[in-house]
Amino acid sequence: MQKILKSFRESKIIKNHTVIDFNSGRDFFYYKAKLELINDDFLYIKEYTSSKEHIYSYHWQNNEGKLIIRWDNSPHHKSLKTYSHHKHTPDVEESNETNMYDVLKYIERVIVK
């Protein structure tokens, strides 16, 4: 979790962050966070990581609550080449962004011009 918090603090696109929930055990951790971005958008993160699985949802929305993109790996949309990784734009698309760091890099490319 310390690595994640450090990346929040060092990111040039995160204005503020709040950890909403955190739990960890011998071989897993889970957290939910809300990130306020420099353009006043928000990124909501839910992530569970263990030695056997990584389950995630990264929900980027504007300050009025409208979805921009949501990335997740819920096991549906089996026809996608990147199954189970996908994003809602709101259409369902393939996604190569499969972790919080990739998502932050993607958002940075969009909002920092």
Protein backbone atom coordinates (compact mmCIF):
# COMPACT_ATOMS: atom_id res chain seq x y z
CA MET A 1 0.00 0.00 0.00
CA GLN A 2 2.91 2.35 0.67
CA LYS A 3 3.97 2.11 -2.99
CA ILE A 4 0.46 3.06 -4.10
CA LEU A 5 0.23 6.02 -1.72
CA LYS A 6 3.65 7.21 -2.87
CA SER A 7 2.50 7.10 -6.50
CA PHE A 8 -0.59 9.16 -5.54
CA ARG A 9 1.59 11.79 -3.88
CA GLU A 10 4.13 11.92 -6.72
CA SER A 11 1.66 11.99 -9.62
CA LYS A 12 1.46 15.28 -11.48
CA ILE A 13 -2.25 14.74 -12.26
CA ILE A 14 -3.55 13.93 -8.75
CA LYS A 15 -4.62 16.96 -6.76
CA ASN A 16 -5.95 15.06 -3.74
CA HIS A 17 -6.53 11.45 -2.72
CA THR A 18 -8.66 9.69 -0.13
CA VAL A 19 -8.35 6.04 0.84
CA ILE A 20 -11.93 4.97 1.52
CA ASP A 21 -11.23 1.38 2.57
CA PHE A 22 -8.18 -0.81 3.06
CA ASN A 23 -7.72 -4.39 4.19
CA SER A 24 -4.79 -6.77 3.95
CA GLY A 25 -3.76 -10.22 5.01
CA ARG A 26 -0.88 -12.61 4.60
CA ASP A 27 -1.16 -12.83 0.81
CA PHE A 28 -3.71 -10.19 -0.26
CA PHE A 29 -4.66 -6.54 -0.07
CA TYR A 30 -7.80 -4.63 -0.97
CA TYR A 31 -8.38 -0.92 -1.19
CA LYS A 32 -10.85 1.65 -2.43
CA ALA A 33 -9.70 5.18 -3.16
CA LYS A 34 -11.01 8.41 -4.58
CA LEU A 35 -8.59 10.59 -6.52
CA GLU A 36 -9.31 14.20 -7.39
CA LEU A 37 -7.46 15.09 -10.57
CA ILE A 38 -5.92 18.44 -11.56
CA ASN A 39 -8.76 19.12 -14.00
CA ASP A 40 -11.38 18.49 -11.24
CA ASP A 41 -12.32 15.03 -12.61
CA PHE A 42 -12.36 12.04 -10.26
CA LEU A 43 -10.92 8.55 -10.48
CA TYR A 44 -12.50 5.94 -8.21
CA ILE A 45 -10.39 2.85 -7.63
CA LYS A 46 -11.37 -0.59 -6.32
CA GLU A 47 -8.58 -3.13 -6.36
CA TYR A 48 -8.07 -6.59 -4.86
CA THR A 49 -4.72 -8.29 -5.29
CA SER A 50 -3.61 -11.66 -3.98
CA SER A 51 -1.03 -14.23 -4.93
CA LYS A 52 -3.65 -15.80 -7.24
CA GLU A 53 -5.75 -12.97 -8.63
CA HIS A 54 -6.07 -9.29 -9.43
CA ILE A 55 -9.58 -7.83 -9.58
CA TYR A 56 -10.01 -4.17 -10.39
CA SER A 57 -12.30 -1.34 -11.38
CA TYR A 58 -11.05 2.16 -12.24
CA HIS A 59 -13.89 4.60 -12.80
CA TRP A 60 -12.99 7.99 -14.31
CA GLN A 61 -15.73 10.59 -14.28
CA ASN A 62 -16.04 14.33 -14.64
CA ASN A 63 -16.96 16.61 -11.74
CA GLU A 64 -20.63 16.35 -12.70
CA GLY A 65 -20.59 12.57 -12.28
CA LYS A 66 -20.61 11.68 -15.99
CA LEU A 67 -18.62 8.58 -16.95
CA ILE A 68 -15.55 9.21 -19.08
CA ILE A 69 -14.05 5.69 -18.96
CA ARG A 70 -14.35 2.72 -16.61
CA TRP A 71 -11.76 -0.04 -16.79
CA ASP A 72 -12.44 -3.42 -15.19
CA ASN A 73 -11.83 -7.11 -15.53
CA SER A 74 -15.23 -8.56 -14.66
CA PRO A 75 -15.46 -11.90 -16.49
CA HIS A 76 -17.84 -10.96 -19.26
CA HIS A 77 -17.39 -9.68 -22.85
CA LYS A 78 -15.65 -12.92 -23.82
CA SER A 79 -15.49 -11.89 -27.48
CA LEU A 80 -12.82 -9.25 -26.77
CA LYS A 81 -9.20 -10.11 -27.53
CA THR A 82 -8.18 -8.65 -24.16
CA TYR A 83 -10.79 -10.66 -22.20
CA SER A 84 -11.36 -10.22 -19.30
CA HIS A 85 -9.77 -6.76 -19.44
CA HIS A 86 -12.04 -4.15 -20.98
CA LYS A 87 -13.17 -0.55 -20.74
CA HIS A 88 -16.51 1.23 -20.97
CA THR A 89 -16.36 4.47 -22.95
CA PRO A 90 -19.49 4.00 -22.59
CA ASP A 91 -19.18 1.39 -25.38
CA VAL A 92 -17.32 -1.76 -24.37
CA GLU A 93 -13.81 -1.88 -25.84
CA GLU A 94 -10.63 -3.88 -25.50
CA SER A 95 -8.22 -2.57 -22.89
CA ASN A 96 -4.48 -2.81 -22.44
CA GLU A 97 -4.61 -0.73 -19.26
CA THR A 98 -4.79 -3.46 -16.61
CA ASN A 99 -3.50 -1.75 -13.49
CA MET A 100 -3.71 1.57 -11.70
CA TYR A 101 -0.35 2.78 -13.04
CA ASP A 102 -1.37 2.16 -16.68
CA VAL A 103 -4.69 3.94 -16.10
CA LEU A 104 -2.98 6.97 -14.56
CA LYS A 105 -0.57 7.15 -17.52
CA TYR A 106 -3.52 6.99 -19.93
CA ILE A 107 -5.39 9.76 -18.11
CA GLU A 108 -2.22 11.88 -17.93
CA ARG A 109 -1.82 11.66 -21.73
CA VAL A 110 -5.40 12.87 -22.13
CA ILE A 111 -5.50 15.75 -19.64
CA VAL A 112 -1.92 17.05 -19.84
CA LYS A 113 -1.35 18.45 -23.29
